[in-house]
PDB file of N, CA and C in Angstrom:
ATOM      1  N   LEU A   1     -20.232   0.451  -5.175  1.00  0.00           N
ATOM      2  CA  LEU A   1     -20.527  -0.609  -6.142  1.00  0.00           C
ATOM      3  C   LEU A   1     -19.247  -1.131  -6.777  1.00  0.00           C
ATOM      4  N   LEU A   2     -18.364  -0.232  -7.177  1.00  0.00           N
ATOM      5  CA  LEU A   2     -17.106  -0.661  -7.778  1.00  0.00           C
ATOM      6  C   LEU A   2     -16.282  -1.462  -6.779  1.00  0.00           C
ATOM      7  N   ASP A   3     -16.253  -1.028  -5.529  1.00  0.00           N
ATOM      8  CA  ASP A   3     -15.498  -1.762  -4.512  1.00  0.00           C
ATOM      9  C   ASP A   3     -16.035  -3.175  -4.342  1.00  0.00           C
ATOM     10  N   ASP A   4     -17.354  -3.336  -4.375  1.00  0.00           N
ATOM     11  CA  ASP A   4     -17.951  -4.662  -4.261  1.00  0.00           C
ATOM     12  C   ASP A   4     -17.554  -5.544  -5.432  1.00  0.00           C
ATOM     13  N   SER A   5     -17.572  -5.000  -6.633  1.00  0.00           N
ATOM     14  CA  SER A   5     -17.201  -5.771  -7.819  1.00  0.00           C
ATOM     15  C   SER A   5     -15.745  -6.194  -7.756  1.00  0.00           C
ATOM     16  N   VAL A   6     -14.893  -5.288  -7.354  1.00  0.00           N
ATOM     17  CA  VAL A   6     -13.469  -5.615  -7.257  1.00  0.00           C
ATOM     18  C   VAL A   6     -13.258  -6.694  -6.207  1.00  0.00           C
ATOM     19  N   ALA A   7     -13.906  -6.564  -5.083  1.00  0.00           N
ATOM     20  CA  ALA A   7     -13.741  -7.539  -4.007  1.00  0.00           C
ATOM     21  C   ALA A   7     -14.215  -8.929  -4.425  1.00  0.00           C
ATOM     22  N   LYS A   8     -15.247  -8.999  -5.234  1.00  0.00           N
ATOM     23  CA  LYS A   8     -15.791 -10.293  -5.644  1.00  0.00           C
ATOM     24  C   LYS A   8     -14.993 -10.942  -6.761  1.00  0.00           C
ATOM     25  N   TYR A   9     -14.488 -10.141  -7.694  1.00  0.00           N
ATOM     26  CA  TYR A   9     -13.948 -10.722  -8.919  1.00  0.00           C
ATOM     27  C   TYR A   9     -12.462 -10.494  -9.154  1.00  0.00           C
ATOM     28  N   ALA A  10     -11.828  -9.643  -8.399  1.00  0.00           N
ATOM     29  CA  ALA A  10     -10.416  -9.342  -8.649  1.00  0.00           C
ATOM     30  C   ALA A  10      -9.510 -10.332  -7.930  1.00  0.00           C
ATOM     31  N   SER A  11      -8.350 -10.508  -8.485  1.00  0.00           N
ATOM     32  CA  SER A  11      -7.371 -11.388  -7.857  1.00  0.00           C
ATOM     33  C   SER A  11      -6.745 -10.673  -6.658  1.00  0.00           C
ATOM     34  N   PRO A  12      -6.163 -11.432  -5.747  1.00  0.00           N
ATOM     35  CA  PRO A  12      -5.494 -10.799  -4.598  1.00  0.00           C
ATOM     36  C   PRO A  12      -4.385  -9.835  -5.017  1.00  0.00           C
ATOM     37  N   GLN A  13      -3.706 -10.138  -6.135  1.00  0.00           N
ATOM     38  CA  GLN A  13      -2.640  -9.256  -6.600  1.00  0.00           C
ATOM     39  C   GLN A  13      -3.190  -7.891  -6.981  1.00  0.00           C
ATOM     40  N   ILE A  14      -4.338  -7.876  -7.648  1.00  0.00           N
ATOM     41  CA  ILE A  14      -4.948  -6.606  -8.053  1.00  0.00           C
ATOM     42  C   ILE A  14      -5.396  -5.829  -6.823  1.00  0.00           C
ATOM     43  N   LEU A  15      -5.992  -6.523  -5.875  1.00  0.00           N
ATOM     44  CA  LEU A  15      -6.435  -5.847  -4.655  1.00  0.00           C
ATOM     45  C   LEU A  15      -5.247  -5.290  -3.886  1.00  0.00           C
ATOM     46  N   GLY A  16      -4.163  -6.045  -3.815  1.00  0.00           N
ATOM     47  CA  GLY A  16      -2.969  -5.575  -3.122  1.00  0.00           C
ATOM     48  C   GLY A  16      -2.343  -4.378  -3.813  1.00  0.00           C
ATOM     49  N   ALA A  17      -2.315  -4.420  -5.142  1.00  0.00           N
ATOM     50  CA  ALA A  17      -1.760  -3.295  -5.901  1.00  0.00           C
ATOM     51  C   ALA A  17      -2.615  -2.054  -5.709  1.00  0.00           C
ATOM     52  N   ARG A  18      -3.912  -2.238  -5.681  1.00  0.00           N
ATOM     53  CA  ARG A  18      -4.825  -1.106  -5.498  1.00  0.00           C
ATOM     54  C   ARG A  18      -4.627  -0.477  -4.120  1.00  0.00           C
ATOM     55  N   GLU A  19      -4.488  -1.318  -3.109  1.00  0.00           N
ATOM     56  CA  GLU A  19      -4.263  -0.812  -1.751  1.00  0.00           C
ATOM     57  C   GLU A  19      -2.911  -0.102  -1.660  1.00  0.00           C
ATOM     58  N   GLY A  20      -1.897  -0.694  -2.274  1.00  0.00           N
ATOM     59  CA  GLY A  20      -0.571  -0.085  -2.265  1.00  0.00           C
ATOM     60  C   GLY A  20      -0.552   1.260  -2.952  1.00  0.00           C
ATOM     61  N   LEU A  21      -1.265   1.367  -4.067  1.00  0.00           N
ATOM     62  CA  LEU A  21      -1.341   2.639  -4.786  1.00  0.00           C
ATOM     63  C   LEU A  21      -2.041   3.689  -3.934  1.00  0.00           C
ATOM     64  N   GLY A  22      -3.076   3.285  -3.222  1.00  0.00           N
ATOM     65  CA  GLY A  22      -3.772   4.218  -2.336  1.00  0.00           C
ATOM     66  C   GLY A  22      -2.865   4.735  -1.233  1.00  0.00           C
ATOM     67  N   LYS A  23      -2.072   3.833  -0.654  1.00  0.00           N
ATOM     68  CA  LYS A  23      -1.147   4.248   0.409  1.00  0.00           C
ATOM     69  C   LYS A  23      -0.059   5.160  -0.135  1.00  0.00           C
ATOM     70  N   LEU A  24       0.426   4.851  -1.331  1.00  0.00           N
ATOM     71  CA  LEU A  24       1.449   5.699  -1.949  1.00  0.00           C
ATOM     72  C   LEU A  24       0.886   7.083  -2.249  1.00  0.00           C
ATOM     73  N   THR A  25      -0.347   7.140  -2.709  1.00  0.00           N
ATOM     74  CA  THR A  25      -0.994   8.428  -2.982  1.00  0.00           C
ATOM     75  C   THR A  25      -1.118   9.246  -1.702  1.00  0.00           C
ATOM     76  N   GLU A  26      -1.523   8.599  -0.613  1.00  0.00           N
ATOM     77  CA  GLU A  26      -1.620   9.294   0.675  1.00  0.00           C
ATOM     78  C   GLU A  26      -0.257   9.840   1.100  1.00  0.00           C
ATOM     79  N   LEU A  27       0.790   9.052   0.889  1.00  0.00           N
ATOM     80  CA  LEU A  27       2.143   9.482   1.236  1.00  0.00           C
ATOM     81  C   LEU A  27       2.552  10.700   0.416  1.00  0.00           C
ATOM     82  N   ILE A  28       2.292  10.673  -0.872  1.00  0.00           N
ATOM     83  CA  ILE A  28       2.645  11.797  -1.747  1.00  0.00           C
ATOM     84  C   ILE A  28       1.915  13.063  -1.318  1.00  0.00           C
ATOM     85  N   VAL A  29       0.642  12.941  -1.014  1.00  0.00           N
ATOM     86  CA  VAL A  29      -0.135  14.106  -0.574  1.00  0.00           C
ATOM     87  C   VAL A  29       0.424  14.656   0.732  1.00  0.00           C
ATOM     88  N   ALA A  30       0.726  13.781   1.674  1.00  0.00           N
ATOM     89  CA  ALA A  30       1.252  14.226   2.970  1.00  0.00           C
ATOM     90  C   ALA A  30       2.584  14.950   2.811  1.00  0.00           C
ATOM     91  N   ILE A  31       3.419  14.460   1.922  1.00  0.00           N
ATOM     92  CA  ILE A  31       4.724  15.096   1.714  1.00  0.00           C
ATOM     93  C   ILE A  31       4.570  16.434   1.009  1.00  0.00           C
ATOM     94  N   THR A  32       3.761  16.478  -0.036  1.00  0.00           N
ATOM     95  CA  THR A  32       3.637  17.721  -0.813  1.00  0.00           C
ATOM     96  C   THR A  32       2.911  18.818  -0.051  1.00  0.00           C
ATOM     97  N   THR A  33       2.069  18.455   0.893  1.00  0.00           N
ATOM     98  CA  THR A  33       1.372  19.474   1.681  1.00  0.00           C
ATOM     99  C   THR A  33       2.169  19.887   2.911  1.00  0.00           C
ATOM    100  N   GLY A  34       3.314  19.242   3.118  1.00  0.00           N
ATOM    101  CA  GLY A  34       4.166  19.597   4.249  1.00  0.00           C
ATOM    102  C   GLY A  34       3.750  18.968   5.559  1.00  0.00           C
ATOM    103  N   GLU A  35       2.799  18.042   5.520  1.00  0.00           N
ATOM    104  CA  GLU A  35       2.351  17.390   6.751  1.00  0.00           C
ATOM    105  C   GLU A  35       3.371  16.377   7.264  1.00  0.00           C
ATOM    106  N   ARG A  36       4.219  15.871   6.375  1.00  0.00           N
ATOM    107  CA  ARG A  36       5.174  14.830   6.749  1.00  0.00           C
ATOM    108  C   ARG A  36       6.566  15.176   6.249  1.00  0.00           C
ATOM    109  N   ASP A  37       7.561  14.780   7.005  1.00  0.00           N
ATOM    110  CA  ASP A  37       8.947  14.880   6.580  1.00  0.00           C
ATOM    111  C   ASP A  37       9.212  13.766   5.566  1.00  0.00           C
ATOM    112  N   VAL A  38       9.898  14.076   4.496  1.00  0.00           N
ATOM    113  CA  VAL A  38      10.118  13.116   3.418  1.00  0.00           C
ATOM    114  C   VAL A  38      10.861  11.875   3.913  1.00  0.00           C
ATOM    115  N   MET A  39      11.938  12.052   4.623  1.00  0.00           N
ATOM    116  CA  MET A  39      12.739  10.903   5.070  1.00  0.00           C
ATOM    117  C   MET A  39      11.980  10.038   6.076  1.00  0.00           C
ATOM    118  N   GLU A  40      11.269  10.674   6.976  1.00  0.00           N
ATOM    119  CA  GLU A  40      10.481   9.932   7.967  1.00  0.00           C
ATOM    120  C   GLU A  40       9.373   9.134   7.273  1.00  0.00           C
ATOM    121  N   ALA A  41       8.675   9.773   6.365  1.00  0.00           N
ATOM    122  CA  ALA A  41       7.587   9.109   5.650  1.00  0.00           C
ATOM    123  C   ALA A  41       8.115   7.961   4.796  1.00  0.00           C
ATOM    124  N   ALA A  42       9.247   8.169   4.141  1.00  0.00           N
ATOM    125  CA  ALA A  42       9.829   7.118   3.307  1.00  0.00           C
ATOM    126  C   ALA A  42      10.240   5.915   4.152  1.00  0.00           C
ATOM    127  N   ALA A  43      10.798   6.161   5.323  1.00  0.00           N
ATOM    128  CA  ALA A  43      11.200   5.068   6.211  1.00  0.00           C
ATOM    129  C   ALA A  43       9.983   4.276   6.684  1.00  0.00           C
ATOM    130  N   GLU A  44       8.912   4.963   7.026  1.00  0.00           N
ATOM    131  CA  GLU A  44       7.687   4.284   7.452  1.00  0.00           C
ATOM    132  C   GLU A  44       7.085   3.482   6.302  1.00  0.00           C
ATOM    133  N   PHE A  45       7.099   4.057   5.101  1.00  0.00           N
ATOM    134  CA  PHE A  45       6.547   3.377   3.934  1.00  0.00           C
ATOM    135  C   PHE A  45       7.374   2.127   3.620  1.00  0.00           C
ATOM    136  N   GLU A  46       8.693   2.231   3.725  1.00  0.00           N
ATOM    137  CA  GLU A  46       9.564   1.084   3.473  1.00  0.00           C
ATOM    138  C   GLU A  46       9.313  -0.022   4.496  1.00  0.00           C
ATOM    139  N   ALA A  47       9.150   0.349   5.758  1.00  0.00           N
ATOM    140  CA  ALA A  47       8.884  -0.639   6.802  1.00  0.00           C
ATOM    141  C   ALA A  47       7.563  -1.356   6.546  1.00  0.00           C
ATOM    142  N   ALA A  48       6.548  -0.614   6.153  1.00  0.00           N
ATOM    143  CA  ALA A  48       5.246  -1.219   5.857  1.00  0.00           C
ATOM    144  C   ALA A  48       5.343  -2.140   4.643  1.00  0.00           C
ATOM    145  N   ALA A  49       6.091  -1.729   3.631  1.00  0.00           N
ATOM    146  CA  ALA A  49       6.262  -2.557   2.433  1.00  0.00           C
ATOM    147  C   ALA A  49       6.998  -3.848   2.776  1.00  0.00           C
ATOM    148  N   ASN A  50       8.019  -3.755   3.612  1.00  0.00           N
ATOM    149  CA  ASN A  50       8.756  -4.952   4.024  1.00  0.00           C
ATOM    150  C   ASN A  50       7.874  -5.907   4.820  1.00  0.00           C
ATOM    151  N   GLU A  51       6.983  -5.358   5.628  1.00  0.00           N
ATOM    152  CA  GLU A  51       6.033  -6.176   6.386  1.00  0.00           C
ATOM    153  C   GLU A  51       5.114  -6.948   5.446  1.00  0.00           C
ATOM    154  N   GLU A  52       4.583  -6.247   4.446  1.00  0.00           N
ATOM    155  CA  GLU A  52       3.696  -6.894   3.474  1.00  0.00           C
ATOM    156  C   GLU A  52       4.445  -7.948   2.671  1.00  0.00           C
ATOM    157  N   LEU A  53       5.678  -7.668   2.315  1.00  0.00           N
ATOM    158  CA  LEU A  53       6.497  -8.631   1.583  1.00  0.00           C
ATOM    159  C   LEU A  53       6.713  -9.888   2.413  1.00  0.00           C
ATOM    160  N   ALA A  54       6.989  -9.723   3.690  1.00  0.00           N
ATOM    161  CA  ALA A  54       7.184 -10.870   4.577  1.00  0.00           C
ATOM    162  C   ALA A  54       5.911 -11.703   4.676  1.00  0.00           C
ATOM    163  N   LYS A  55       4.762 -11.049   4.752  1.00  0.00           N
ATOM    164  CA  LYS A  55       3.483 -11.772   4.795  1.00  0.00           C
ATOM    165  C   LYS A  55       3.286 -12.578   3.522  1.00  0.00           C
ATOM    166  N   GLY A  56       3.597 -11.967   2.391  1.00  0.00           N
ATOM    167  CA  GLY A  56       3.452 -12.662   1.112  1.00  0.00           C
ATOM    168  C   GLY A  56       4.376 -13.859   1.003  1.00  0.00           C
ATOM    169  N   GLN A  57       5.596 -13.715   1.482  1.00  0.00           N
ATOM    170  CA  GLN A  57       6.549 -14.822   1.448  1.00  0.00           C
ATOM    171  C   GLN A  57       6.104 -15.950   2.362  1.00  0.00           C
ATOM    172  N   GLU A  58       5.538 -15.612   3.515  1.00  0.00           N
ATOM    173  CA  GLU A  58       5.003 -16.633   4.426  1.00  0.00           C
ATOM    174  C   GLU A  58       3.864 -17.390   3.772  1.00  0.00           C
ATOM    175  N   ALA A  59       3.005 -16.674   3.073  1.00  0.00           N
ATOM    176  CA  ALA A  59       1.853 -17.300   2.430  1.00  0.00           C
ATOM    177  C   ALA A  59       2.283 -18.271   1.332  1.00  0.00           C
ATOM    178  N   LEU A  60       3.410 -18.000   0.700  1.00  0.00           N
ATOM    179  CA  LEU A  60       3.894 -18.876  -0.368  1.00  0.00           C
ATOM    180  C   LEU A  60       4.511 -20.163   0.166  1.00  0.00           C
ATOM    181  N   GLN A  61       4.873 -20.177   1.434  1.00  0.00           N
ATOM    182  CA  GLN A  61       5.527 -21.371   2.000  1.00  0.00           C
ATOM    183  C   GLN A  61       4.549 -22.342   2.569  1.00  0.00           C
TER     184      GLN A  61
END
């Protein structure tokens, strides 16, 4: 129900921030449980963030 409300009434910025926070939380859990190497995970997270930034910049043009 909450997801439906957010999807209907939230701005794209809020939805993007919520998704980003979820991904960051997953990264933190993976690192703290030893499932992922810190440097490898950070590099992947940075690459994904740069991809999203590029999409946002394209949308603004």
